[in-house]
Amino acid sequence: MPACAIEPTAADGANDGVNPEVPYGENFEVPEALYGRNLEVPQAPEVPDVSEVPEVAPEAAVEVPLEAAHVTPAASAVPAAHVAHVASTVPVAFTVPVTPAVPERSRAERTPPHADRVIADCVITADGAYAARLARSGDSWFPERWTLDGPEPYAVPLPGNQPEEPGTQVQPMADGRVLIRRPTDGRHAFSLLYPTGPDTGELPLGAVECPDEGTRLHLLPPAPCGRRAYALAVGRWTTTLWLVAGGSFGPEHVAEIPGRCSGGVWLDRTGRMLALDREAGGRTKAIVVDLERGGEVSPLLQISADSDDRLLLADPDSGLLLIGSDAPSPGEARLGWGVLGSTLPVRFPESLHLPGHTLTPFAIQPGQVLLPEACAVALRIDGHYGGHFGTWVGVWRPADRRLHQLAAPDGWLAGSGLWTPGGVLRLPYATEAEPCGVAPLPAPPPAPVSAPPSPVPAQPPLALRPIPLQQAPLGSLVTK
């Protein structure tokens, strides 16, 4: 049973020779939802780079094969709870059993260092048309919607009757409305905000109550369709998946997943296959939840039996996956990459290993069908330099095997941005002089084969002013 109650309303790569190849696991089964996508990914050569921007020189990548360790798929999730329609202005609460309240574990106990999902300052729809964030006016916070698909970006403030409280989340929808989650004393109220002339219109959607003090609820990344929004309620023993916007009637229970889940990566363009990182039995493994089969769960990542394997980012077009795992160096989280359905080992390049820094991938270049090695990946880099803590941008390609460290625009809403198919990274920023702007950052060109490696920069740039995956349910999506 879910650990929350519903309160609705009536409103509606090949081996580089340095590391030996290791036998890998077997191919995986493909869910029926993705039959017919028989992609063939050619292998790109691993080449050095020459670029005038500061970068990290390439070193040998660590290749980690899959062990034949058995992963027991979780049982099918319970069907979504039925909620009867009620008359307007009459809230109804549905109470279900909850687990005993437990003190929340510290962040260090929950995840290794690299697995901290750095929350972006701005959330962008999958199609890049809208964005939303909490803007500040003095000591007060209010929602703000950005329109990004026009000739020039512009922002529309959506303030309510009172300032927003800490912990509030916003998410843009494809129709231009903004979903808001307001937490208050174990209750999470959801509404859709929209501009109505000088004022802000608000459509209440209902609320999810989490009486268990150990339960934490948060929004998942925007669904690819942009018409629905989901949230995770993470309890002590189970995780509940909720459809909080886009349903037929208020918040709807979708699935009950054994274990504590985090993350959230969409694996297709329809919003059916959702990858989560599930903590169970002392280990964290990525799983897939099929939303059209009542939340049916199946394993996705199993690099080794004793490793924590998380999916950080995925591109449905090319099948490129960005993975976080401690398999190559137990106790130390590493950033690696693989290809969905590939039979090659997951690679953990040294160019993505920066001790003392946190690298968080946030965007993959779309439209590179059959070419995962050519996809440009944008990363947020957090670290110290010159005695100060800073945040800047990294750009990396699997084929180049090196990390370009680039200056972020002044006022960058850190951790947010999107690629165009042509390879231009669009970074939203807000400054006092320009409260709504998008800075284009072209990706460094692919390096010629004969280019020599460049030295490691002494410090990052200053801000400018304006997998083979065992038992994966998506296996054989890409063949080599």
Protein backbone atom coordinates (compact mmCIF):
# COMPACT_ATOMS: atom_id res chain seq x y z
CA MET A 1 0.00 0.00 0.00
CA PRO A 2 1.25 3.55 -0.65
CA ALA A 3 2.72 5.47 2.23
CA CYS A 4 0.71 8.55 1.35
CA ALA A 5 -2.94 9.54 1.13
CA ILE A 6 -4.72 11.39 -1.66
CA GLU A 7 -6.66 14.58 -1.16
CA PRO A 8 -8.25 15.46 -4.54
CA THR A 9 -10.33 18.43 -5.61
CA ALA A 10 -13.02 18.61 -8.20
CA ALA A 11 -10.96 20.80 -10.54
CA ASP A 12 -9.52 18.88 -13.15
CA GLY A 13 33.73 2.31 -27.96
CA ALA A 14 36.43 -0.36 -28.66
CA ASN A 15 39.38 -1.27 -26.35
CA ASP A 16 42.19 1.28 -26.60
CA GLY A 17 44.90 -1.30 -25.90
CA VAL A 18 45.71 -0.01 -22.44
CA ASN A 19 43.11 -1.98 -20.57
CA PRO A 20 42.47 -5.61 -21.53
CA GLU A 21 39.04 -6.67 -22.69
CA VAL A 22 37.04 -8.71 -20.21
CA PRO A 23 34.18 -11.05 -21.17
CA TYR A 24 30.82 -9.41 -20.69
CA GLY A 25 27.38 -10.63 -19.75
CA GLU A 26 24.61 -11.79 -22.01
CA ASN A 27 22.23 -9.63 -23.99
CA PHE A 28 18.97 -8.60 -22.45
CA GLU A 29 15.32 -8.92 -23.21
CA VAL A 30 13.43 -6.08 -24.84
CA PRO A 31 10.02 -4.94 -23.63
CA GLU A 32 7.26 -5.14 -26.18
CA ALA A 33 6.91 -1.36 -26.03
CA LEU A 34 10.18 -0.95 -27.92
CA TYR A 35 10.06 -3.80 -30.42
CA GLY A 36 10.90 -2.74 -33.93
CA ARG A 37 13.67 -0.29 -32.97
CA ASN A 38 16.54 -2.33 -34.36
CA LEU A 39 19.30 0.25 -34.37
CA GLU A 40 22.85 -0.38 -35.46
CA VAL A 41 25.54 1.72 -33.84
CA PRO A 42 28.88 1.89 -35.65
CA GLN A 43 31.96 2.16 -33.52
CA ALA A 44 33.67 5.52 -33.64
CA PRO A 45 37.44 5.81 -33.37
CA GLU A 46 38.90 7.16 -30.17
CA VAL A 47 40.78 10.27 -31.11
CA PRO A 48 42.58 13.07 -29.30
CA ASP A 49 41.43 16.65 -29.51
CA VAL A 50 42.90 20.03 -30.31
CA SER A 51 40.94 23.00 -29.12
CA GLU A 52 41.83 26.43 -27.90
CA VAL A 53 39.61 26.11 -24.85
CA PRO A 54 41.07 24.63 -21.66
CA GLU A 55 40.59 20.88 -21.48
CA VAL A 56 41.65 17.77 -19.68
CA ALA A 57 44.06 15.50 -21.56
CA PRO A 58 42.86 11.96 -22.23
CA GLU A 59 44.08 8.96 -20.30
CA ALA A 60 43.24 5.31 -20.31
CA ALA A 61 39.62 4.48 -19.69
CA VAL A 62 38.62 1.77 -17.28
CA GLU A 63 36.43 -0.90 -18.85
CA VAL A 64 34.13 -2.80 -16.53
CA PRO A 65 32.33 -5.90 -17.79
CA LEU A 66 29.08 -7.23 -16.44
CA GLU A 67 29.14 -10.13 -14.06
CA ALA A 68 26.62 -12.90 -14.39
CA ALA A 69 25.17 -12.01 -11.01
CA HIS A 70 21.48 -12.72 -10.79
CA VAL A 71 19.08 -9.85 -10.26
CA THR A 72 15.60 -10.72 -9.13
CA PRO A 73 13.05 -8.44 -10.78
CA ALA A 74 10.59 -6.88 -8.43
CA ALA A 75 7.04 -8.09 -8.51
CA SER A 76 4.57 -6.20 -10.63
CA ALA A 77 3.38 -3.08 -8.91
CA VAL A 78 -0.14 -2.85 -7.61
CA PRO A 79 -2.62 -1.19 -9.96
CA ALA A 80 -3.38 2.46 -9.52
CA ALA A 81 -5.81 3.15 -6.74
CA HIS A 82 -9.31 4.06 -7.80
CA VAL A 83 -10.55 7.44 -6.61
CA ALA A 84 -14.24 8.23 -6.89
CA HIS A 85 -15.30 11.62 -8.20
CA VAL A 86 -16.50 13.98 -5.48
CA ALA A 87 -18.54 17.13 -5.49
CA SER A 88 -16.72 20.45 -5.78
CA THR A 89 -15.43 22.13 -2.62
CA VAL A 90 -15.59 18.82 -0.72
CA PRO A 91 -12.06 17.48 -0.16
CA VAL A 92 -11.82 13.77 0.49
CA ALA A 93 -8.84 12.06 2.07
CA PHE A 94 -8.05 8.40 1.54
CA THR A 95 -6.05 6.97 4.40
CA VAL A 96 -3.79 3.97 3.98
CA PRO A 97 -1.38 2.22 6.35
CA VAL A 98 2.04 3.81 6.66
CA THR A 99 5.37 2.57 7.91
CA PRO A 100 6.60 3.74 11.31
CA ALA A 101 8.37 7.06 11.32
CA VAL A 102 12.14 6.78 11.31
CA PRO A 103 14.87 9.41 11.44
CA GLU A 104 16.13 10.33 7.99
CA ARG A 105 19.59 9.09 7.17
CA SER A 106 22.33 11.56 6.37
CA ARG A 107 23.16 12.30 2.74
CA ALA A 108 26.49 10.51 3.08
CA GLU A 109 24.70 7.37 4.26
CA ARG A 110 22.19 7.45 1.44
CA THR A 111 24.46 7.87 -1.57
CA PRO A 112 28.12 8.03 -2.50
CA PRO A 113 29.55 11.49 -3.30
CA HIS A 114 28.96 11.45 -7.06
CA ALA A 115 25.38 10.31 -6.72
CA ASP A 116 24.12 13.50 -5.11
CA ARG A 117 21.70 14.74 -7.72
CA VAL A 118 22.47 18.42 -7.89
CA ILE A 119 19.17 20.23 -8.28
CA ALA A 120 19.16 22.61 -11.25
CA ASP A 121 18.19 26.23 -10.70
CA CYS A 122 15.81 26.03 -13.65
CA VAL A 123 13.63 23.23 -15.08
CA ILE A 124 13.13 22.99 -18.86
CA THR A 125 10.49 21.02 -20.76
CA ALA A 126 11.70 18.11 -22.87
CA ASP A 127 11.01 20.02 -26.09
CA GLY A 128 12.82 23.13 -24.83
CA ALA A 129 9.84 25.43 -25.30
CA TYR A 130 9.34 26.51 -21.68
CA ALA A 131 11.25 26.72 -18.45
CA ALA A 132 10.29 27.48 -14.87
CA ARG A 133 12.13 28.53 -11.75
CA LEU A 134 11.67 30.20 -8.40
CA ALA A 135 12.77 33.82 -8.73
CA ARG A 136 13.61 36.10 -5.85
CA SER A 137 12.37 39.55 -5.01
CA GLY A 138 14.04 40.79 -1.86
CA ASP A 139 13.51 38.05 0.71
CA SER A 140 10.51 36.57 -1.11
CA TRP A 141 10.33 33.80 -3.71
CA PHE A 142 7.79 33.48 -6.52
CA PRO A 143 7.35 31.20 -9.58
CA GLU A 144 8.51 32.46 -12.95
CA ARG A 145 7.87 30.98 -16.39
CA TRP A 146 10.28 31.44 -19.26
CA THR A 147 9.33 31.12 -22.93
CA LEU A 148 12.33 29.84 -24.90
CA ASP A 149 11.00 28.93 -28.36
CA GLY A 150 10.45 32.46 -29.64
CA PRO A 151 12.82 34.93 -31.29
CA GLU A 152 13.90 36.16 -27.84
CA PRO A 153 13.40 34.53 -24.44
CA TYR A 154 11.09 36.30 -22.03
CA ALA A 155 9.90 35.70 -18.48
CA VAL A 156 6.43 35.94 -16.98
CA PRO A 157 6.20 36.21 -13.18
CA LEU A 158 3.50 34.08 -11.55
CA PRO A 159 3.30 35.31 -7.96
CA GLY A 160 0.59 34.05 -5.66
CA ASN A 161 -1.17 35.74 -2.78
CA GLN A 162 1.87 35.17 -0.56
CA PRO A 163 5.56 34.30 -1.03
CA GLU A 164 6.45 30.66 -1.58
CA GLU A 165 7.85 28.63 1.28
CA PRO A 166 11.19 26.74 1.29
CA GLY A 167 10.92 23.35 -0.39
CA THR A 168 8.50 24.52 -3.08
CA GLN A 169 9.07 22.98 -6.52
CA VAL A 170 7.97 24.20 -9.95
CA GLN A 171 7.87 22.44 -13.31
CA PRO A 172 6.79 23.79 -16.72
CA MET A 173 4.18 21.98 -18.78
CA ALA A 174 4.01 21.80 -22.58
CA ASP A 175 0.96 24.09 -22.72
CA GLY A 176 2.76 26.92 -20.90
CA ARG A 177 1.24 26.39 -17.47
CA VAL A 178 3.51 25.80 -14.47
CA LEU A 179 3.00 23.00 -11.99
CA ILE A 180 3.78 23.91 -8.40
CA ARG A 181 4.24 21.65 -5.39
CA ARG A 182 3.80 23.26 -2.00
CA PRO A 183 4.76 21.14 1.04
CA THR A 184 3.20 21.89 4.42
CA ASP A 185 3.36 19.56 7.44
CA GLY A 186 3.47 16.27 5.55
CA ARG A 187 0.96 17.45 2.94
CA HIS A 188 1.93 18.24 -0.64
CA ALA A 189 -0.53 20.42 -2.56
CA PHE A 190 -0.35 20.62 -6.36
CA SER A 191 -1.68 23.40 -8.59
CA LEU A 192 -1.27 24.66 -12.13
CA LEU A 193 -0.35 28.34 -12.48
CA TYR A 194 -0.98 30.48 -15.55
CA PRO A 195 -0.95 34.21 -16.35
CA THR A 196 -4.27 36.06 -16.46
CA GLY A 197 -3.38 39.59 -17.43
CA PRO A 198 -1.64 41.21 -14.48
CA ASP A 199 -2.67 38.44 -12.11
CA THR A 200 -1.91 34.75 -11.70
CA GLY A 201 -4.55 32.10 -12.26
CA GLU A 202 -4.36 28.92 -10.21
CA LEU A 203 -6.05 25.57 -10.82
CA PRO A 204 -5.84 23.31 -7.73
CA LEU A 205 -5.19 19.67 -8.59
CA GLY A 206 -5.39 18.13 -5.15
CA ALA A 207 -2.88 17.00 -2.58
CA VAL A 208 -0.90 13.96 -1.49
CA GLU A 209 -0.54 13.46 2.23
CA CYS A 210 2.50 11.71 3.65
CA PRO A 211 1.87 11.31 7.38
CA ASP A 212 5.02 9.24 7.83
CA GLU A 213 7.73 11.68 8.91
CA GLY A 214 10.33 9.56 7.12
CA THR A 215 8.63 9.91 3.72
CA ARG A 216 10.02 12.45 1.26
CA LEU A 217 8.12 13.50 -1.87
CA HIS A 218 9.61 15.31 -4.88
CA LEU A 219 8.81 15.90 -8.53
CA LEU A 220 10.45 13.82 -11.24
CA PRO A 221 12.05 15.43 -14.32
CA PRO A 222 9.53 16.62 -16.95
CA ALA A 223 7.92 13.82 -18.94
CA PRO A 224 8.78 13.76 -22.66
CA CYS A 225 5.17 14.45 -23.68
CA GLY A 226 4.96 17.54 -21.45
CA ARG A 227 1.31 16.85 -20.61
CA ARG A 228 1.88 14.76 -17.48
CA ALA A 229 3.95 15.18 -14.33
CA TYR A 230 5.03 12.56 -11.82
CA ALA A 231 6.31 12.56 -8.26
CA LEU A 232 8.12 10.06 -6.03
CA ALA A 233 7.20 9.52 -2.39
CA VAL A 234 10.18 7.74 -0.83
CA GLY A 235 9.38 5.89 2.39
CA ARG A 236 11.41 3.66 4.65
CA TRP A 237 10.79 0.40 2.78
CA THR A 238 8.93 1.34 -0.40
CA THR A 239 8.62 4.11 -2.96
CA THR A 240 5.30 5.30 -4.34
CA LEU A 241 5.03 6.73 -7.85
CA TRP A 242 2.28 9.33 -8.31
CA LEU A 243 0.79 10.96 -11.39
CA VAL A 244 0.21 14.47 -10.04
CA ALA A 245 -0.77 16.33 -13.23
CA GLY A 246 -2.34 15.21 -16.49
CA GLY A 247 -4.56 12.51 -15.01
CA SER A 248 -8.33 12.29 -15.21
CA PHE A 249 -8.90 13.16 -11.57
CA GLY A 250 -6.43 14.69 -9.14
CA PRO A 251 -3.26 12.88 -8.04
CA GLU A 252 -3.34 9.22 -9.08
CA HIS A 253 -1.39 6.34 -7.56
CA VAL A 254 0.65 4.65 -10.31
CA ALA A 255 2.92 2.10 -8.66
CA GLU A 256 4.32 0.83 -5.39
CA ILE A 257 8.00 -0.08 -5.77
CA PRO A 258 9.85 -2.09 -3.11
CA GLY A 259 12.95 -0.27 -1.87
CA ARG A 260 13.99 3.38 -1.69
CA CYS A 261 14.17 5.02 -5.13
CA SER A 262 15.86 8.18 -6.32
CA GLY A 263 16.89 9.75 -9.62
CA GLY A 264 14.53 9.57 -12.57
CA VAL A 265 15.51 9.31 -16.26
CA TRP A 266 13.13 8.90 -19.21
CA LEU A 267 14.24 6.24 -21.70
CA ASP A 268 11.83 6.88 -24.58
CA ARG A 269 10.01 9.74 -26.27
CA THR A 270 6.52 8.66 -25.19
CA GLY A 271 6.99 8.79 -21.42
CA ARG A 272 6.33 5.11 -20.87
CA MET A 273 9.71 3.78 -19.66
CA LEU A 274 11.10 5.45 -16.53
CA ALA A 275 14.47 4.54 -15.02
CA LEU A 276 14.96 4.90 -11.27
CA ASP A 277 17.82 4.13 -8.91
CA ARG A 278 16.58 1.67 -6.27
CA GLU A 279 18.33 1.09 -2.96
CA ALA A 280 17.66 -2.40 -1.62
CA GLY A 281 19.77 -4.88 0.30
CA GLY A 282 22.49 -2.31 0.90
CA ARG A 283 23.12 -1.70 -2.82
CA THR A 284 21.71 0.71 -5.39
CA LYS A 285 20.83 -0.50 -8.89
CA ALA A 286 19.03 1.20 -11.75
CA ILE A 287 15.64 -0.28 -12.63
CA VAL A 288 12.99 0.40 -15.26
CA VAL A 289 9.34 1.08 -14.48
CA ASP A 290 6.83 0.42 -17.28
CA LEU A 291 4.06 2.96 -16.75
CA GLU A 292 1.72 1.28 -19.22
CA ARG A 293 1.86 -2.03 -17.35
CA GLY A 294 0.77 -0.81 -13.97
CA GLY A 295 4.31 0.09 -12.90
CA GLU A 296 5.92 -3.25 -13.78
CA VAL A 297 9.54 -3.21 -12.59
CA SER A 298 12.55 -4.86 -14.24
CA PRO A 299 16.33 -4.43 -13.72
CA LEU A 300 18.42 -2.17 -15.95
CA LEU A 301 21.97 -1.84 -14.58
CA GLN A 302 23.99 -4.62 -12.96
CA ILE A 303 27.68 -3.97 -13.53
CA SER A 304 28.74 -6.15 -10.61
CA ALA A 305 26.98 -7.70 -7.65
CA ASP A 306 28.68 -5.43 -5.10
CA SER A 307 28.60 -2.11 -6.96
CA ASP A 308 26.21 0.83 -6.75
CA ASP A 309 25.07 1.48 -10.32
CA ARG A 310 23.01 4.56 -11.14
CA LEU A 311 21.68 5.94 -14.40
CA LEU A 312 22.30 9.69 -14.54
CA LEU A 313 21.22 10.65 -18.05
CA ALA A 314 20.00 8.98 -21.26
CA ASP A 315 19.36 9.95 -24.86
CA PRO A 316 16.58 7.99 -26.60
CA ASP A 317 17.82 8.88 -30.10
CA SER A 318 21.34 7.46 -29.87
CA GLY A 319 21.00 5.17 -26.86
CA LEU A 320 23.86 6.93 -25.05
CA LEU A 321 23.77 6.43 -21.28
CA LEU A 322 25.69 8.35 -18.60
CA ILE A 323 26.29 6.08 -15.61
CA GLY A 324 27.55 6.59 -12.08
CA SER A 325 29.13 3.55 -10.43
CA ASP A 326 31.83 2.49 -7.99
CA ALA A 327 32.48 -0.75 -9.90
CA PRO A 328 35.92 0.30 -11.28
CA SER A 329 37.12 1.53 -7.87
CA PRO A 330 35.11 0.25 -4.89
CA GLY A 331 34.29 3.03 -2.49
CA GLU A 332 34.87 5.76 -5.07
CA ALA A 333 32.10 6.80 -7.42
CA ARG A 334 33.07 7.20 -11.08
CA LEU A 335 31.29 8.66 -14.10
CA GLY A 336 31.07 6.34 -17.11
CA TRP A 337 29.16 5.75 -20.30
CA GLY A 338 27.56 2.94 -22.25
CA VAL A 339 25.11 2.35 -25.07
CA LEU A 340 21.68 0.91 -24.53
CA GLY A 341 21.72 -2.70 -25.71
CA SER A 342 25.41 -2.69 -26.64
CA THR A 343 27.59 -5.73 -26.00
CA LEU A 344 30.67 -3.67 -25.10
CA PRO A 345 31.80 -3.03 -21.52
CA VAL A 346 30.80 0.13 -19.71
CA ARG A 347 33.70 2.57 -19.95
CA PHE A 348 34.90 4.95 -17.22
CA PRO A 349 37.25 7.42 -18.96
CA GLU A 350 39.92 9.20 -16.97
CA SER A 351 38.86 12.48 -18.59
CA LEU A 352 35.67 12.31 -16.49
CA HIS A 353 37.58 11.56 -13.30
CA LEU A 354 38.45 14.84 -11.59
CA PRO A 355 39.30 14.22 -7.92
CA GLY A 356 37.90 16.88 -5.63
CA HIS A 357 35.31 17.98 -8.19
CA THR A 358 31.67 17.01 -8.75
CA LEU A 359 30.64 16.36 -12.36
CA THR A 360 26.90 16.27 -13.05
CA PRO A 361 25.72 15.60 -16.64
CA PHE A 362 22.61 17.60 -17.48
CA ALA A 363 22.11 17.52 -21.26
CA ILE A 364 22.90 15.23 -24.23
CA GLN A 365 22.88 16.40 -27.84
CA PRO A 366 19.74 14.96 -29.50
CA GLY A 367 19.20 13.74 -33.03
CA GLN A 368 22.40 11.68 -33.31
CA VAL A 369 20.69 8.45 -34.33
CA LEU A 370 23.16 5.54 -34.63
CA LEU A 371 25.97 7.80 -33.39
CA PRO A 372 26.20 7.69 -29.59
CA GLU A 373 29.96 8.29 -29.68
CA ALA A 374 29.39 11.60 -31.51
CA CYS A 375 26.88 13.02 -28.99
CA ALA A 376 28.04 16.07 -27.10
CA VAL A 377 27.35 15.89 -23.36
CA ALA A 378 27.09 18.96 -21.13
CA LEU A 379 28.19 18.69 -17.51
CA ARG A 380 28.04 20.95 -14.53
CA ILE A 381 31.41 21.06 -12.74
CA ASP A 382 31.60 22.13 -9.10
CA GLY A 383 34.93 22.48 -7.34
CA HIS A 384 37.54 24.69 -5.72
CA TYR A 385 40.12 26.71 -7.56
CA GLY A 386 42.30 29.53 -6.31
CA GLY A 387 40.91 29.10 -2.81
CA HIS A 388 37.33 29.67 -3.99
CA PHE A 389 34.44 27.38 -4.83
CA GLY A 390 33.07 27.74 -8.34
CA THR A 391 30.75 26.24 -10.93
CA TRP A 392 31.49 26.03 -14.64
CA VAL A 393 30.59 23.99 -17.73
CA GLY A 394 32.15 20.85 -19.17
CA VAL A 395 31.60 19.49 -22.69
CA TRP A 396 32.58 15.93 -23.53
CA ARG A 397 32.14 13.40 -26.33
CA PRO A 398 32.75 9.67 -26.04
CA ALA A 399 34.72 9.66 -29.31
CA ASP A 400 37.01 12.51 -28.23
CA ARG A 401 37.66 11.09 -24.75
CA ARG A 402 38.50 14.45 -23.23
CA LEU A 403 36.70 17.06 -21.19
CA HIS A 404 36.54 20.63 -22.43
CA GLN A 405 36.18 23.06 -19.52
CA LEU A 406 34.34 26.17 -20.64
CA ALA A 407 33.25 29.40 -19.01
CA ALA A 408 29.59 29.67 -18.07
CA PRO A 409 27.73 32.92 -18.70
CA ASP A 410 27.48 35.27 -15.75
CA GLY A 411 24.28 34.47 -13.85
CA TRP A 412 23.96 30.96 -15.28
CA LEU A 413 21.09 29.03 -13.70
CA ALA A 414 23.53 26.27 -12.86
CA GLY A 415 22.76 22.74 -13.97
CA SER A 416 20.20 23.76 -16.59
CA GLY A 417 20.46 23.95 -20.35
CA LEU A 418 19.72 22.03 -23.52
CA TRP A 419 21.43 21.11 -26.77
CA THR A 420 20.16 21.83 -30.26
CA PRO A 421 20.54 18.96 -32.76
CA GLY A 422 23.19 21.08 -34.47
CA GLY A 423 25.44 21.07 -31.40
CA VAL A 424 24.77 24.43 -29.74
CA LEU A 425 24.36 24.38 -25.97
CA ARG A 426 21.77 26.91 -24.78
CA LEU A 427 22.36 28.04 -21.19
CA PRO A 428 19.72 30.12 -19.39
CA TYR A 429 21.00 32.92 -17.18
CA ALA A 430 19.59 35.76 -15.11
CA THR A 431 21.44 38.88 -14.04
CA GLU A 432 20.36 42.22 -12.64
CA ALA A 433 20.88 43.82 -16.03
CA GLU A 434 19.27 40.98 -17.98
CA PRO A 435 16.82 38.96 -15.85
CA CYS A 436 15.97 36.52 -18.66
CA GLY A 437 18.60 35.43 -21.14
CA VAL A 438 19.89 32.38 -23.01
CA ALA A 439 23.56 32.17 -23.96
CA PRO A 440 24.47 29.98 -26.97
CA LEU A 441 27.61 27.96 -26.45
CA PRO A 442 28.76 26.04 -29.55
CA ALA A 443 30.32 22.69 -28.80
CA PRO A 444 34.04 22.41 -29.57
CA PRO A 445 34.43 20.67 -32.94
CA PRO A 446 35.41 17.00 -32.99
CA ALA A 447 39.18 16.65 -32.85
CA PRO A 448 41.23 15.47 -35.83
CA VAL A 449 42.90 12.12 -35.40
CA SER A 450 46.41 13.57 -35.50
CA ALA A 451 45.85 16.23 -32.83
CA PRO A 452 48.20 16.01 -29.83
CA PRO A 453 46.81 16.05 -26.29
CA SER A 454 46.55 19.40 -24.56
CA PRO A 455 47.81 20.14 -21.05
CA VAL A 456 45.56 20.08 -18.00
CA PRO A 457 44.50 23.66 -17.11
CA ALA A 458 45.80 25.09 -13.85
CA GLN A 459 42.33 26.38 -13.04
CA PRO A 460 38.91 26.40 -14.74
CA PRO A 461 37.83 29.32 -16.92
CA LEU A 462 36.34 32.43 -15.40
CA ALA A 463 32.72 33.32 -16.01
CA LEU A 464 32.04 35.28 -19.15
CA ARG A 465 29.50 37.97 -19.37
CA PRO A 466 26.79 37.72 -21.84
CA ILE A 467 26.57 0.04 -21.17
CA PRO A 468 26.47 -3.35 -21.85
CA LEU A 469 23.70 -3.66 -19.29
CA GLN A 470 22.91 -7.19 -18.02
CA GLN A 471 19.24 -8.20 -18.10
CA ALA A 472 18.25 -4.73 -19.24
CA PRO A 473 14.64 -4.65 -20.40
CA LEU A 474 15.68 -2.40 -23.28
CA GLY A 475 18.36 -4.75 -24.62
CA SER A 476 18.86 -5.34 -28.33
CA LEU A 477 17.60 -1.82 -28.93
CA VAL A 478 21.06 -1.16 -30.34
CA THR A 479 23.13 -3.82 -32.04
CA LYS A 480 26.75 -3.86 -33.08
